[in-house]
């Protein structure tokens, strides 16, 4: 199992042109699970702390 975590300003999932889900600023996590991965394998993104991804975000006032 592999996971890619990316900080995004916005993201959306589209299938055949239809938007199935979308987010504003946050974390986009792409996960690839293979057939030979154990069913009880913990997702790798749970082992990482996402708090460091937001340490440099500032808000405009």
Protein backbone atom coordinates (compact mmCIF):
# COMPACT_ATOMS: atom_id res chain seq x y z
CA UNK A 1 0.00 0.00 0.00
CA UNK A 2 1.27 3.46 -0.88
CA UNK A 3 -0.09 6.88 -0.01
CA UNK A 4 0.74 10.32 -1.34
CA UNK A 5 -0.24 13.30 0.84
CA UNK A 6 -0.37 16.72 -0.79
CA UNK A 7 -1.46 20.08 0.57
CA UNK A 8 -3.97 21.67 -1.84
CA UNK A 9 -5.89 24.92 -2.16
CA UNK A 10 -8.75 22.93 -3.70
CA UNK A 11 -9.36 19.48 -5.15
CA UNK A 12 -12.19 17.58 -6.81
CA UNK A 13 -12.99 14.03 -7.92
CA UNK A 14 -14.65 13.87 -11.34
CA UNK A 15 -15.97 10.78 -13.12
CA UNK A 16 -17.32 11.19 -16.66
CA UNK A 17 -17.44 14.95 -16.07
CA UNK A 18 -19.59 14.69 -12.92
CA UNK A 19 -18.12 16.01 -9.66
CA UNK A 20 -18.37 13.27 -7.00
CA UNK A 21 -16.57 15.17 -4.25
CA UNK A 22 -14.61 18.34 -3.65
CA UNK A 23 -12.73 20.18 -0.91
CA UNK A 24 -11.30 23.63 -0.34
CA UNK A 25 -7.91 24.09 1.36
CA UNK A 26 -6.71 20.89 2.99
CA UNK A 27 -4.92 17.61 2.44
CA UNK A 28 -5.43 15.42 -0.61
CA UNK A 29 -4.51 11.80 0.08
CA UNK A 30 -4.09 9.44 -2.87
CA UNK A 31 -4.02 5.79 -1.79
CA UNK A 32 -2.96 2.81 -3.88
CA UNK A 33 -3.89 -0.61 -2.48
CA UNK A 34 -2.74 -3.74 -4.29
CA UNK A 35 -4.31 -7.19 -4.35
CA UNK A 36 -1.44 -8.72 -2.37
CA UNK A 37 -1.69 -6.16 0.48
CA UNK A 38 -2.88 -7.75 3.75
CA UNK A 39 -6.49 -6.83 4.56
CA UNK A 40 -5.52 -5.72 8.07
CA UNK A 41 -2.54 -3.56 7.00
CA UNK A 42 -2.75 -0.14 8.64
CA UNK A 43 -2.91 2.72 6.12
CA UNK A 44 0.47 4.44 5.94
CA UNK A 45 -1.06 7.92 6.22
CA UNK A 46 -2.20 7.13 9.78
CA UNK A 47 1.46 6.82 10.83
CA UNK A 48 2.26 10.38 9.80
CA UNK A 49 1.26 13.60 11.52
CA UNK A 50 -0.30 16.03 9.03
CA UNK A 51 0.10 18.97 11.43
CA UNK A 52 3.46 19.94 9.90
CA UNK A 53 1.75 20.45 6.52
CA UNK A 54 -0.14 23.43 7.92
CA UNK A 55 2.66 25.03 9.94
CA UNK A 56 3.31 27.75 7.32
CA UNK A 57 -0.27 28.56 6.33
CA UNK A 58 -1.33 32.13 7.03
CA UNK A 59 -4.76 33.64 6.63
CA UNK A 60 -5.43 36.95 4.92
CA UNK A 61 -7.27 39.50 7.06
